[in-house]
Amino acid sequence: MITIVDYGMGNLGSIANMFKKIGVPSCITGDVDQIAAAEKILLPGVGAFDTAMARINDSGLLPLLNHKALEEKIPVLGICLGMQLLTSSSEEGQLPGLGWIPATTLAFKSRIDTARFKVPHMGWNIVEKHTSSPLTMGFEGFDEMRFYFVHSYFVQCVDECNSILRSTHGLTFDSAIQKDNIFGAQFHPEKSHKFGMKLLGNFAGL
């Protein structure tokens, strides 16, 4: 069972539908007791960094999420903004992130030629493996890996060993990250057809 955390931000229904399509049971909840019993957690997110962190803080979920990820060490996957929340901070806001993976979230706009590369980075883009991870097992069967992105900020890991996938949009950035039991994907696997189905299936199999 995948527990999709509902803190008021994210494409919850479409994520649950993708799990249903691949035959993986999931539930959407913001209930403390249900999250406390979770075996695997998916942390979604669409919107602004500070708004998301404020909602997690105000909901009282932060200590529980820290316990599940850092002490129980259950598998956790953050997607889109949910991946950015795994980092220590974001140039989008002032609040600290979860800090579960040593990385920072940076703005495209001040670092790329926006006349040539649109911000937000939106649409399909190629991802390339950087380090091995159970999240990307079996992708050798594809000629190339393509995922659907929508984001104006990107993640840069402190240690490249935490970068498992990379993509390029004016610059090269970490499009999927991992530290121990904690994973992040900048793209939307629920919108990425066979590639997203494979990645979410890998996560469900951990």
N, C-alpha and C. Protein backbone atom coordinates (compact mmCIF):
# COMPACT_ATOMS: atom_id res chain seq x y z
N MET A 1 0.83 -1.19 0.00
CA MET A 1 0.00 0.00 0.00
C MET A 1 0.88 1.25 0.00
N ILE A 2 0.62 2.15 -0.95
CA ILE A 2 1.31 3.43 -1.01
C ILE A 2 0.43 4.49 -0.35
N THR A 3 0.95 5.18 0.63
CA THR A 3 0.22 6.25 1.28
C THR A 3 0.60 7.57 0.64
N ILE A 4 -0.36 8.20 -0.05
CA ILE A 4 -0.14 9.49 -0.69
C ILE A 4 -0.55 10.58 0.30
N VAL A 5 0.40 11.38 0.73
CA VAL A 5 0.15 12.35 1.80
C VAL A 5 -0.61 13.55 1.25
N ASP A 6 -1.75 13.82 1.84
CA ASP A 6 -2.58 14.96 1.47
C ASP A 6 -2.35 16.09 2.47
N TYR A 7 -1.58 17.09 2.06
CA TYR A 7 -1.39 18.28 2.90
C TYR A 7 -1.94 19.51 2.18
N GLY A 8 -2.79 19.26 1.17
CA GLY A 8 -3.48 20.34 0.50
C GLY A 8 -2.86 20.81 -0.79
N MET A 9 -1.79 20.12 -1.28
CA MET A 9 -1.13 20.53 -2.51
C MET A 9 -0.69 19.30 -3.29
N GLY A 10 -1.07 19.22 -4.57
CA GLY A 10 -0.60 18.12 -5.39
C GLY A 10 -1.70 17.50 -6.23
N ASN A 11 -1.28 16.80 -7.29
CA ASN A 11 -2.21 16.10 -8.18
C ASN A 11 -2.53 14.73 -7.60
N LEU A 12 -3.27 14.72 -6.51
CA LEU A 12 -3.46 13.49 -5.76
C LEU A 12 -4.24 12.45 -6.55
N GLY A 13 -5.32 12.87 -7.19
CA GLY A 13 -6.15 11.92 -7.91
C GLY A 13 -5.44 11.27 -9.07
N SER A 14 -4.67 12.04 -9.82
CA SER A 14 -3.98 11.47 -10.98
C SER A 14 -2.88 10.51 -10.55
N ILE A 15 -2.25 10.78 -9.41
CA ILE A 15 -1.24 9.85 -8.89
C ILE A 15 -1.89 8.54 -8.48
N ALA A 16 -2.99 8.63 -7.75
CA ALA A 16 -3.71 7.42 -7.33
C ALA A 16 -4.20 6.64 -8.54
N ASN A 17 -4.65 7.33 -9.58
CA ASN A 17 -5.12 6.66 -10.79
C ASN A 17 -4.00 5.90 -11.48
N MET A 18 -2.80 6.47 -11.48
CA MET A 18 -1.67 5.77 -12.10
C MET A 18 -1.31 4.52 -11.32
N PHE A 19 -1.33 4.59 -9.98
CA PHE A 19 -1.08 3.40 -9.18
C PHE A 19 -2.15 2.34 -9.47
N LYS A 20 -3.39 2.77 -9.59
CA LYS A 20 -4.48 1.83 -9.90
C LYS A 20 -4.23 1.16 -11.25
N LYS A 21 -3.75 1.94 -12.22
CA LYS A 21 -3.51 1.42 -13.56
C LYS A 21 -2.44 0.33 -13.56
N ILE A 22 -1.45 0.45 -12.66
CA ILE A 22 -0.40 -0.56 -12.62
C ILE A 22 -0.66 -1.62 -11.55
N GLY A 23 -1.85 -1.58 -10.97
CA GLY A 23 -2.26 -2.62 -10.03
C GLY A 23 -1.66 -2.51 -8.65
N VAL A 24 -1.33 -1.29 -8.23
CA VAL A 24 -0.73 -1.06 -6.91
C VAL A 24 -1.75 -0.35 -6.02
N PRO A 25 -2.10 -0.91 -4.87
CA PRO A 25 -3.05 -0.22 -3.99
C PRO A 25 -2.44 1.03 -3.38
N SER A 26 -3.26 2.07 -3.27
CA SER A 26 -2.80 3.32 -2.67
C SER A 26 -3.96 3.97 -1.95
N CYS A 27 -3.65 4.90 -1.07
CA CYS A 27 -4.68 5.69 -0.41
C CYS A 27 -4.19 7.12 -0.29
N ILE A 28 -5.12 8.06 -0.34
CA ILE A 28 -4.83 9.48 -0.17
C ILE A 28 -5.31 9.89 1.21
N THR A 29 -4.41 10.43 2.03
CA THR A 29 -4.82 10.76 3.39
C THR A 29 -3.95 11.84 4.00
N GLY A 30 -4.56 12.61 4.87
CA GLY A 30 -3.83 13.54 5.73
C GLY A 30 -3.98 13.14 7.18
N ASP A 31 -4.56 11.96 7.40
CA ASP A 31 -4.82 11.47 8.75
C ASP A 31 -3.53 10.99 9.41
N VAL A 32 -3.27 11.48 10.60
CA VAL A 32 -2.02 11.15 11.31
C VAL A 32 -1.90 9.66 11.56
N ASP A 33 -2.97 9.01 11.99
CA ASP A 33 -2.91 7.58 12.30
C ASP A 33 -2.61 6.75 11.06
N GLN A 34 -3.22 7.12 9.93
CA GLN A 34 -2.97 6.37 8.69
C GLN A 34 -1.54 6.57 8.21
N ILE A 35 -1.04 7.79 8.31
CA ILE A 35 0.34 8.04 7.90
C ILE A 35 1.31 7.33 8.84
N ALA A 36 0.99 7.28 10.13
CA ALA A 36 1.84 6.59 11.10
C ALA A 36 1.96 5.12 10.78
N ALA A 37 0.93 4.54 10.17
CA ALA A 37 0.93 3.12 9.83
C ALA A 37 1.47 2.85 8.43
N ALA A 38 1.87 3.88 7.70
CA ALA A 38 2.27 3.74 6.31
C ALA A 38 3.50 2.86 6.14
N GLU A 39 3.48 2.07 5.08
CA GLU A 39 4.64 1.24 4.71
C GLU A 39 5.51 1.92 3.67
N LYS A 40 4.89 2.72 2.82
CA LYS A 40 5.60 3.55 1.83
C LYS A 40 4.83 4.85 1.70
N ILE A 41 5.57 5.95 1.56
CA ILE A 41 4.94 7.26 1.49
C ILE A 41 5.31 7.95 0.19
N LEU A 42 4.31 8.53 -0.47
CA LEU A 42 4.55 9.40 -1.61
C LEU A 42 4.18 10.82 -1.20
N LEU A 43 5.12 11.74 -1.37
CA LEU A 43 4.93 13.14 -1.02
C LEU A 43 4.77 13.94 -2.31
N PRO A 44 3.53 14.33 -2.65
CA PRO A 44 3.31 15.08 -3.89
C PRO A 44 3.58 16.56 -3.68
N GLY A 45 3.27 17.35 -4.69
CA GLY A 45 3.40 18.79 -4.51
C GLY A 45 3.31 19.55 -5.82
N VAL A 46 2.44 20.54 -5.85
CA VAL A 46 2.33 21.48 -6.96
C VAL A 46 2.10 22.85 -6.34
N GLY A 47 2.93 23.83 -6.72
CA GLY A 47 2.76 25.16 -6.15
C GLY A 47 4.06 25.72 -5.60
N ALA A 48 3.96 26.55 -4.57
CA ALA A 48 5.10 27.28 -4.04
C ALA A 48 5.73 26.56 -2.85
N PHE A 49 7.04 26.65 -2.76
CA PHE A 49 7.82 25.96 -1.73
C PHE A 49 7.38 26.37 -0.32
N ASP A 50 7.33 27.66 -0.04
CA ASP A 50 6.99 28.12 1.31
C ASP A 50 5.56 27.74 1.70
N THR A 51 4.64 27.81 0.75
CA THR A 51 3.26 27.43 1.03
C THR A 51 3.19 25.96 1.42
N ALA A 52 3.91 25.12 0.69
CA ALA A 52 3.92 23.69 0.99
C ALA A 52 4.52 23.41 2.36
N MET A 53 5.68 24.01 2.66
CA MET A 53 6.31 23.76 3.95
C MET A 53 5.45 24.31 5.09
N ALA A 54 4.80 25.44 4.88
CA ALA A 54 3.93 26.00 5.92
C ALA A 54 2.76 25.06 6.20
N ARG A 55 2.20 24.47 5.15
CA ARG A 55 1.07 23.56 5.35
C ARG A 55 1.51 22.29 6.07
N ILE A 56 2.70 21.80 5.74
CA ILE A 56 3.22 20.62 6.44
C ILE A 56 3.47 20.95 7.92
N ASN A 57 4.05 22.11 8.17
CA ASN A 57 4.29 22.54 9.55
C ASN A 57 2.99 22.75 10.31
N ASP A 58 2.06 23.48 9.69
CA ASP A 58 0.80 23.83 10.38
C ASP A 58 -0.09 22.61 10.61
N SER A 59 0.03 21.61 9.76
CA SER A 59 -0.79 20.41 9.90
C SER A 59 -0.32 19.51 11.03
N GLY A 60 0.89 19.76 11.52
CA GLY A 60 1.46 18.90 12.56
C GLY A 60 2.08 17.63 12.02
N LEU A 61 2.21 17.53 10.70
CA LEU A 61 2.73 16.30 10.08
C LEU A 61 4.25 16.21 10.10
N LEU A 62 4.93 17.35 10.29
CA LEU A 62 6.39 17.35 10.14
C LEU A 62 7.09 16.35 11.06
N PRO A 63 6.81 16.32 12.38
CA PRO A 63 7.51 15.34 13.23
C PRO A 63 7.23 13.90 12.80
N LEU A 64 6.01 13.62 12.38
CA LEU A 64 5.66 12.27 11.95
C LEU A 64 6.39 11.91 10.67
N LEU A 65 6.42 12.82 9.69
CA LEU A 65 7.13 12.54 8.45
C LEU A 65 8.62 12.34 8.70
N ASN A 66 9.20 13.15 9.58
CA ASN A 66 10.61 12.96 9.94
C ASN A 66 10.84 11.59 10.56
N HIS A 67 9.94 11.17 11.42
CA HIS A 67 10.06 9.86 12.07
C HIS A 67 9.98 8.74 11.05
N LYS A 68 9.01 8.81 10.15
CA LYS A 68 8.83 7.75 9.16
C LYS A 68 10.03 7.66 8.22
N ALA A 69 10.54 8.81 7.78
CA ALA A 69 11.63 8.82 6.81
C ALA A 69 12.99 8.54 7.43
N LEU A 70 13.26 9.14 8.60
CA LEU A 70 14.61 9.13 9.15
C LEU A 70 14.83 8.08 10.23
N GLU A 71 13.77 7.67 10.92
CA GLU A 71 13.91 6.68 11.98
C GLU A 71 13.38 5.31 11.56
N GLU A 72 12.14 5.26 11.09
CA GLU A 72 11.63 3.99 10.58
C GLU A 72 12.28 3.63 9.24
N LYS A 73 12.70 4.65 8.50
CA LYS A 73 13.37 4.47 7.21
C LYS A 73 12.52 3.70 6.21
N ILE A 74 11.21 4.03 6.15
CA ILE A 74 10.38 3.44 5.12
C ILE A 74 10.68 4.13 3.79
N PRO A 75 10.40 3.50 2.65
CA PRO A 75 10.61 4.17 1.36
C PRO A 75 9.72 5.40 1.22
N VAL A 76 10.32 6.51 0.80
CA VAL A 76 9.61 7.77 0.60
C VAL A 76 9.97 8.29 -0.78
N LEU A 77 8.96 8.74 -1.53
CA LEU A 77 9.19 9.33 -2.85
C LEU A 77 8.52 10.69 -2.90
N GLY A 78 9.30 11.75 -3.15
CA GLY A 78 8.76 13.07 -3.38
C GLY A 78 8.76 13.36 -4.87
N ILE A 79 7.65 13.88 -5.39
CA ILE A 79 7.59 14.17 -6.82
C ILE A 79 7.27 15.65 -7.05
N CYS A 80 7.89 16.20 -8.10
CA CYS A 80 7.76 17.61 -8.49
C CYS A 80 8.14 18.50 -7.29
N LEU A 81 7.25 19.35 -6.82
CA LEU A 81 7.57 20.16 -5.64
C LEU A 81 7.92 19.28 -4.46
N GLY A 82 7.31 18.10 -4.39
CA GLY A 82 7.62 17.16 -3.31
C GLY A 82 9.08 16.78 -3.26
N MET A 83 9.74 16.70 -4.43
CA MET A 83 11.19 16.45 -4.45
C MET A 83 11.93 17.66 -3.93
N GLN A 84 11.52 18.87 -4.33
CA GLN A 84 12.20 20.07 -3.86
C GLN A 84 12.10 20.22 -2.35
N LEU A 85 10.99 19.77 -1.77
CA LEU A 85 10.83 19.84 -0.32
C LEU A 85 11.83 18.96 0.42
N LEU A 86 12.39 17.96 -0.27
CA LEU A 86 13.38 17.08 0.36
C LEU A 86 14.70 17.80 0.61
N THR A 87 14.91 18.94 -0.06
CA THR A 87 16.18 19.66 0.04
C THR A 87 16.20 20.57 1.27
N SER A 88 17.33 21.20 1.50
CA SER A 88 17.47 22.03 2.70
C SER A 88 16.79 23.39 2.56
N SER A 89 16.73 23.92 1.32
CA SER A 89 16.17 25.25 1.12
C SER A 89 15.86 25.46 -0.35
N SER A 90 15.10 26.54 -0.62
CA SER A 90 14.77 26.89 -2.00
C SER A 90 14.89 28.39 -2.19
N GLU A 91 15.39 28.80 -3.35
CA GLU A 91 15.43 30.22 -3.68
C GLU A 91 14.02 30.79 -3.89
N GLU A 92 13.03 29.91 -3.96
CA GLU A 92 11.65 30.38 -4.12
C GLU A 92 11.08 30.95 -2.83
N GLY A 93 11.66 30.57 -1.69
CA GLY A 93 11.07 31.00 -0.42
C GLY A 93 12.10 31.17 0.68
N GLN A 94 11.60 31.34 1.89
CA GLN A 94 12.44 31.60 3.05
C GLN A 94 12.46 30.45 4.05
N LEU A 95 11.44 29.61 4.04
CA LEU A 95 11.35 28.54 5.02
C LEU A 95 12.34 27.43 4.72
N PRO A 96 12.87 26.76 5.75
CA PRO A 96 13.73 25.60 5.49
C PRO A 96 12.92 24.44 4.95
N GLY A 97 13.58 23.65 4.10
CA GLY A 97 12.95 22.44 3.59
C GLY A 97 13.09 21.30 4.60
N LEU A 98 12.69 20.12 4.18
CA LEU A 98 12.80 18.95 5.06
C LEU A 98 14.25 18.60 5.34
N GLY A 99 15.15 18.84 4.39
CA GLY A 99 16.57 18.60 4.58
C GLY A 99 16.94 17.13 4.66
N TRP A 100 16.15 16.26 4.07
CA TRP A 100 16.43 14.83 4.14
C TRP A 100 17.55 14.41 3.18
N ILE A 101 17.73 15.18 2.11
CA ILE A 101 18.80 14.91 1.15
C ILE A 101 19.62 16.19 1.03
N PRO A 102 20.96 16.11 1.16
CA PRO A 102 21.77 17.33 1.07
C PRO A 102 21.74 17.91 -0.35
N ALA A 103 20.94 18.93 -0.52
CA ALA A 103 20.74 19.55 -1.83
C ALA A 103 20.06 20.89 -1.62
N THR A 104 20.07 21.73 -2.65
CA THR A 104 19.37 23.00 -2.62
C THR A 104 18.51 23.12 -3.88
N THR A 105 17.48 23.95 -3.79
CA THR A 105 16.59 24.19 -4.91
C THR A 105 16.85 25.60 -5.44
N LEU A 106 17.16 25.70 -6.72
CA LEU A 106 17.63 26.95 -7.32
C LEU A 106 16.71 27.37 -8.47
N ALA A 107 16.77 28.64 -8.82
CA ALA A 107 15.92 29.19 -9.88
C ALA A 107 16.59 29.06 -11.25
N PHE A 108 15.82 28.57 -12.23
CA PHE A 108 16.30 28.57 -13.61
C PHE A 108 16.55 30.00 -14.11
N LYS A 109 15.62 30.90 -13.78
CA LYS A 109 15.53 32.20 -14.44
C LYS A 109 16.83 32.99 -14.40
N SER A 110 17.55 32.92 -13.30
CA SER A 110 18.77 33.71 -13.17
C SER A 110 20.01 32.98 -13.70
N ARG A 111 19.81 31.78 -14.23
CA ARG A 111 20.97 30.95 -14.59
C ARG A 111 20.98 30.47 -16.04
N ILE A 112 19.89 30.68 -16.77
CA ILE A 112 19.85 30.22 -18.16
C ILE A 112 19.40 31.37 -19.07
N ASP A 113 19.63 31.19 -20.35
CA ASP A 113 19.20 32.16 -21.36
C ASP A 113 17.71 31.95 -21.60
N THR A 114 16.89 32.79 -20.98
CA THR A 114 15.44 32.59 -21.06
C THR A 114 14.87 32.96 -22.44
N ALA A 115 15.67 33.59 -23.29
CA ALA A 115 15.24 33.82 -24.67
C ALA A 115 15.26 32.52 -25.47
N ARG A 116 16.13 31.61 -25.07
CA ARG A 116 16.24 30.32 -25.77
C ARG A 116 15.53 29.20 -25.03
N PHE A 117 15.52 29.27 -23.71
CA PHE A 117 14.95 28.21 -22.89
C PHE A 117 13.85 28.78 -22.00
N LYS A 118 12.64 28.35 -22.25
CA LYS A 118 11.48 28.89 -21.55
C LYS A 118 11.47 28.50 -20.07
N VAL A 119 10.98 29.40 -19.26
CA VAL A 119 10.74 29.14 -17.84
C VAL A 119 9.28 29.48 -17.57
N PRO A 120 8.49 28.54 -17.05
CA PRO A 120 8.92 27.24 -16.54
C PRO A 120 9.35 26.26 -17.64
N HIS A 121 10.20 25.34 -17.26
CA HIS A 121 10.56 24.20 -18.09
C HIS A 121 9.34 23.28 -18.13
N MET A 122 8.69 23.20 -19.29
CA MET A 122 7.43 22.48 -19.38
C MET A 122 7.42 21.57 -20.61
N GLY A 123 7.04 20.31 -20.39
CA GLY A 123 6.93 19.36 -21.48
C GLY A 123 7.83 18.16 -21.28
N TRP A 124 7.93 17.36 -22.34
CA TRP A 124 8.74 16.14 -22.29
C TRP A 124 10.22 16.47 -22.43
N ASN A 125 11.04 15.75 -21.67
CA ASN A 125 12.49 15.92 -21.78
C ASN A 125 13.17 14.59 -21.48
N ILE A 126 14.33 14.43 -22.05
CA ILE A 126 15.12 13.21 -21.86
C ILE A 126 15.79 13.25 -20.50
N VAL A 127 15.83 12.10 -19.83
CA VAL A 127 16.61 11.96 -18.60
C VAL A 127 17.69 10.90 -18.84
N GLU A 128 18.80 11.06 -18.19
CA GLU A 128 19.92 10.13 -18.33
C GLU A 128 20.36 9.64 -16.96
N LYS A 129 20.68 8.37 -16.89
CA LYS A 129 21.14 7.79 -15.63
C LYS A 129 22.49 8.39 -15.22
N HIS A 130 22.61 8.66 -13.93
CA HIS A 130 23.88 9.15 -13.39
C HIS A 130 24.47 8.14 -12.43
N THR A 131 23.69 7.67 -11.48
CA THR A 131 24.12 6.59 -10.60
C THR A 131 23.02 5.53 -10.52
N SER A 132 23.39 4.32 -10.15
CA SER A 132 22.44 3.22 -10.09
C SER A 132 21.48 3.41 -8.91
N SER A 133 20.24 2.99 -9.13
CA SER A 133 19.22 3.10 -8.08
C SER A 133 18.13 2.07 -8.35
N PRO A 134 17.52 1.51 -7.30
CA PRO A 134 16.38 0.62 -7.50
C PRO A 134 15.20 1.33 -8.16
N LEU A 135 15.17 2.66 -8.09
CA LEU A 135 14.07 3.40 -8.69
C LEU A 135 14.12 3.34 -10.22
N THR A 136 15.29 3.08 -10.78
CA THR A 136 15.44 3.09 -12.24
C THR A 136 15.81 1.71 -12.79
N MET A 137 15.57 0.67 -12.01
CA MET A 137 15.84 -0.68 -12.49
C MET A 137 14.96 -0.99 -13.70
N GLY A 138 15.54 -1.63 -14.71
CA GLY A 138 14.78 -2.06 -15.87
C GLY A 138 14.63 -1.03 -16.97
N PHE A 139 15.15 0.16 -16.76
CA PHE A 139 15.02 1.18 -17.80
C PHE A 139 15.96 0.93 -18.99
N GLU A 140 16.82 -0.06 -18.86
CA GLU A 140 17.71 -0.40 -19.97
C GLU A 140 16.91 -0.86 -21.19
N GLY A 141 15.69 -1.30 -20.95
CA GLY A 141 14.85 -1.78 -22.05
C GLY A 141 14.32 -0.69 -22.96
N PHE A 142 14.46 0.58 -22.54
CA PHE A 142 14.01 1.70 -23.35
C PHE A 142 15.18 2.29 -24.13
N ASP A 143 14.92 2.70 -25.38
CA ASP A 143 15.98 3.35 -26.16
C ASP A 143 16.43 4.65 -25.49
N GLU A 144 15.46 5.38 -24.92
CA GLU A 144 15.77 6.57 -24.16
C GLU A 144 14.66 6.75 -23.12
N MET A 145 14.96 7.48 -22.09
CA MET A 145 13.97 7.74 -21.04
C MET A 145 13.47 9.17 -21.18
N ARG A 146 12.15 9.32 -21.24
CA ARG A 146 11.55 10.63 -21.38
C ARG A 146 10.46 10.81 -20.32
N PHE A 147 10.48 11.94 -19.65
CA PHE A 147 9.48 12.23 -18.63
C PHE A 147 8.91 13.63 -18.85
N TYR A 148 7.75 13.86 -18.24
CA TYR A 148 7.04 15.13 -18.41
C TYR A 148 7.34 16.05 -17.22
N PHE A 149 7.82 17.26 -17.53
CA PHE A 149 8.24 18.23 -16.52
C PHE A 149 7.35 19.47 -16.53
N VAL A 150 7.17 20.06 -15.36
CA VAL A 150 6.62 21.41 -15.23
C VAL A 150 7.27 22.02 -13.98
N HIS A 151 8.28 22.88 -14.17
CA HIS A 151 8.94 23.48 -13.00
C HIS A 151 9.77 24.69 -13.40
N SER A 152 9.87 25.63 -12.46
CA SER A 152 10.67 26.84 -12.64
C SER A 152 11.93 26.83 -11.80
N TYR A 153 12.02 25.84 -10.91
CA TYR A 153 13.18 25.69 -10.02
C TYR A 153 13.73 24.28 -10.18
N PHE A 154 15.02 24.12 -9.94
CA PHE A 154 15.66 22.81 -10.12
C PHE A 154 16.49 22.48 -8.89
N VAL A 155 16.79 21.20 -8.75
CA VAL A 155 17.54 20.73 -7.58
C VAL A 155 18.99 20.46 -7.96
N GLN A 156 19.88 20.87 -7.07
CA GLN A 156 21.31 20.60 -7.22
C GLN A 156 21.80 19.91 -5.95
N CYS A 157 22.24 18.66 -6.09
CA CYS A 157 22.73 17.90 -4.94
C CYS A 157 24.10 18.40 -4.52
N VAL A 158 24.36 18.34 -3.22
CA VAL A 158 25.68 18.68 -2.70
C VAL A 158 26.69 17.63 -3.12
N ASP A 159 26.30 16.37 -3.02
CA ASP A 159 27.15 15.24 -3.38
C ASP A 159 26.53 14.54 -4.58
N GLU A 160 27.28 14.41 -5.66
CA GLU A 160 26.71 13.83 -6.87
C GLU A 160 26.32 12.37 -6.71
N CYS A 161 26.76 11.72 -5.65
CA CYS A 161 26.33 10.33 -5.43
C CYS A 161 24.84 10.26 -5.12
N ASN A 162 24.23 11.38 -4.73
CA ASN A 162 22.79 11.42 -4.47
C ASN A 162 21.97 11.70 -5.72
N SER A 163 22.62 11.98 -6.84
CA SER A 163 21.94 12.23 -8.11
C SER A 163 21.81 10.92 -8.87
N ILE A 164 20.58 10.51 -9.17
CA ILE A 164 20.41 9.24 -9.90
C ILE A 164 20.00 9.46 -11.36
N LEU A 165 19.31 10.57 -11.65
CA LEU A 165 18.98 10.93 -13.03
C LEU A 165 19.29 12.40 -13.23
N ARG A 166 19.71 12.74 -14.46
CA ARG A 166 19.97 14.13 -14.80
C ARG A 166 19.30 14.49 -16.11
N SER A 167 18.95 15.76 -16.23
CA SER A 167 18.34 16.28 -17.45
C SER A 167 18.95 17.64 -17.77
N THR A 168 18.70 18.12 -18.99
CA THR A 168 19.27 19.39 -19.41
C THR A 168 18.18 20.31 -19.95
N HIS A 169 18.15 21.53 -19.43
CA HIS A 169 17.28 22.60 -19.94
C HIS A 169 18.02 23.91 -19.71
N GLY A 170 18.87 24.24 -20.64
CA GLY A 170 19.72 25.42 -20.46
C GLY A 170 20.92 25.14 -19.59
N LEU A 171 20.78 24.20 -18.69
CA LEU A 171 21.85 23.70 -17.84
C LEU A 171 21.47 22.27 -17.43
N THR A 172 22.42 21.55 -16.89
CA THR A 172 22.15 20.18 -16.45
C THR A 172 21.78 20.20 -14.98
N PHE A 173 20.69 19.52 -14.65
CA PHE A 173 20.21 19.51 -13.27
C PHE A 173 19.86 18.08 -12.85
N ASP A 174 19.71 17.89 -11.55
CA ASP A 174 19.37 16.58 -11.01
C ASP A 174 17.85 16.38 -11.10
N SER A 175 17.44 15.45 -11.96
CA SER A 175 16.00 15.24 -12.17
C SER A 175 15.45 14.10 -11.33
N ALA A 176 16.31 13.30 -10.72
CA ALA A 176 15.88 12.33 -9.71
C ALA A 176 17.04 12.15 -8.73
N ILE A 177 16.70 12.04 -7.45
CA ILE A 177 17.70 11.99 -6.40
C ILE A 177 17.37 10.88 -5.40
N GLN A 178 18.38 10.50 -4.63
CA GLN A 178 18.17 9.45 -3.62
C GLN A 178 19.20 9.58 -2.51
N LYS A 179 18.74 9.34 -1.30
CA LYS A 179 19.64 9.09 -0.17
C LYS A 179 19.01 8.00 0.67
N ASP A 180 19.65 6.84 0.68
CA ASP A 180 19.15 5.69 1.42
C ASP A 180 17.72 5.35 0.99
N ASN A 181 16.76 5.45 1.87
CA ASN A 181 15.37 5.09 1.59
C ASN A 181 14.54 6.23 1.01
N ILE A 182 15.16 7.38 0.78
CA ILE A 182 14.43 8.58 0.37
C ILE A 182 14.75 8.90 -1.09
N PHE A 183 13.70 9.07 -1.90
CA PHE A 183 13.84 9.29 -3.33
C PHE A 183 13.08 10.54 -3.73
N GLY A 184 13.54 11.19 -4.80
CA GLY A 184 12.81 12.33 -5.35
C GLY A 184 12.84 12.30 -6.86
N ALA A 185 11.75 12.74 -7.48
CA ALA A 185 11.66 12.85 -8.93
C ALA A 185 11.10 14.22 -9.27
N GLN A 186 11.84 15.02 -10.03
CA GLN A 186 11.38 16.36 -10.38
C GLN A 186 10.22 16.32 -11.37
N PHE A 187 10.23 15.35 -12.25
CA PHE A 187 9.19 15.22 -13.27
C PHE A 187 7.90 14.64 -12.66
N HIS A 188 6.87 14.57 -13.49
CA HIS A 188 5.59 14.01 -13.08
C HIS A 188 5.46 12.59 -13.61
N PRO A 189 5.75 11.57 -12.81
CA PRO A 189 5.61 10.20 -13.32
C PRO A 189 4.17 9.85 -13.68
N GLU A 190 3.21 10.48 -13.00
CA GLU A 190 1.80 10.18 -13.28
C GLU A 190 1.36 10.72 -14.64
N LYS A 191 2.19 11.57 -15.27
CA LYS A 191 1.88 12.11 -16.60
C LYS A 191 2.85 11.58 -17.66
N SER A 192 3.68 10.61 -17.28
CA SER A 192 4.78 10.19 -18.14
C SER A 192 4.60 8.80 -18.75
N HIS A 193 3.37 8.36 -18.85
CA HIS A 193 3.02 7.13 -19.57
C HIS A 193 3.88 5.95 -19.13
N LYS A 194 4.44 5.20 -20.09
CA LYS A 194 5.13 3.95 -19.76
C LYS A 194 6.35 4.18 -18.86
N PHE A 195 6.98 5.33 -19.01
CA PHE A 195 8.17 5.62 -18.19
C PHE A 195 7.75 5.85 -16.73
N GLY A 196 6.71 6.62 -16.55
CA GLY A 196 6.20 6.85 -15.20
C GLY A 196 5.65 5.59 -14.56
N MET A 197 4.99 4.77 -15.36
CA MET A 197 4.46 3.50 -14.84
C MET A 197 5.59 2.61 -14.34
N LYS A 198 6.68 2.57 -15.10
CA LYS A 198 7.83 1.75 -14.70
C LYS A 198 8.46 2.28 -13.41
N LEU A 199 8.64 3.60 -13.33
CA LEU A 199 9.27 4.18 -12.14
C LEU A 199 8.40 3.97 -10.90
N LEU A 200 7.10 4.23 -11.01
CA LEU A 200 6.23 4.04 -9.86
C LEU A 200 6.11 2.58 -9.48
N GLY A 201 6.17 1.69 -10.47
CA GLY A 201 6.18 0.26 -10.18
C GLY A 201 7.43 -0.16 -9.42
N ASN A 202 8.56 0.43 -9.80
CA ASN A 202 9.81 0.15 -9.07
C ASN A 202 9.70 0.62 -7.62
N PHE A 203 9.13 1.82 -7.43
CA PHE A 203 8.97 2.32 -6.06
C PHE A 203 8.06 1.41 -5.25
N ALA A 204 6.98 0.98 -5.86
CA ALA A 204 6.03 0.10 -5.16
C ALA A 204 6.67 -1.23 -4.78
N GLY A 205 7.69 -1.65 -5.53
CA GLY A 205 8.35 -2.92 -5.28
C GLY A 205 9.45 -2.89 -4.26
N LEU A 206 9.77 -1.70 -3.74
CA LEU A 206 10.87 -1.58 -2.78
C LEU A 206 10.52 -2.31 -1.45
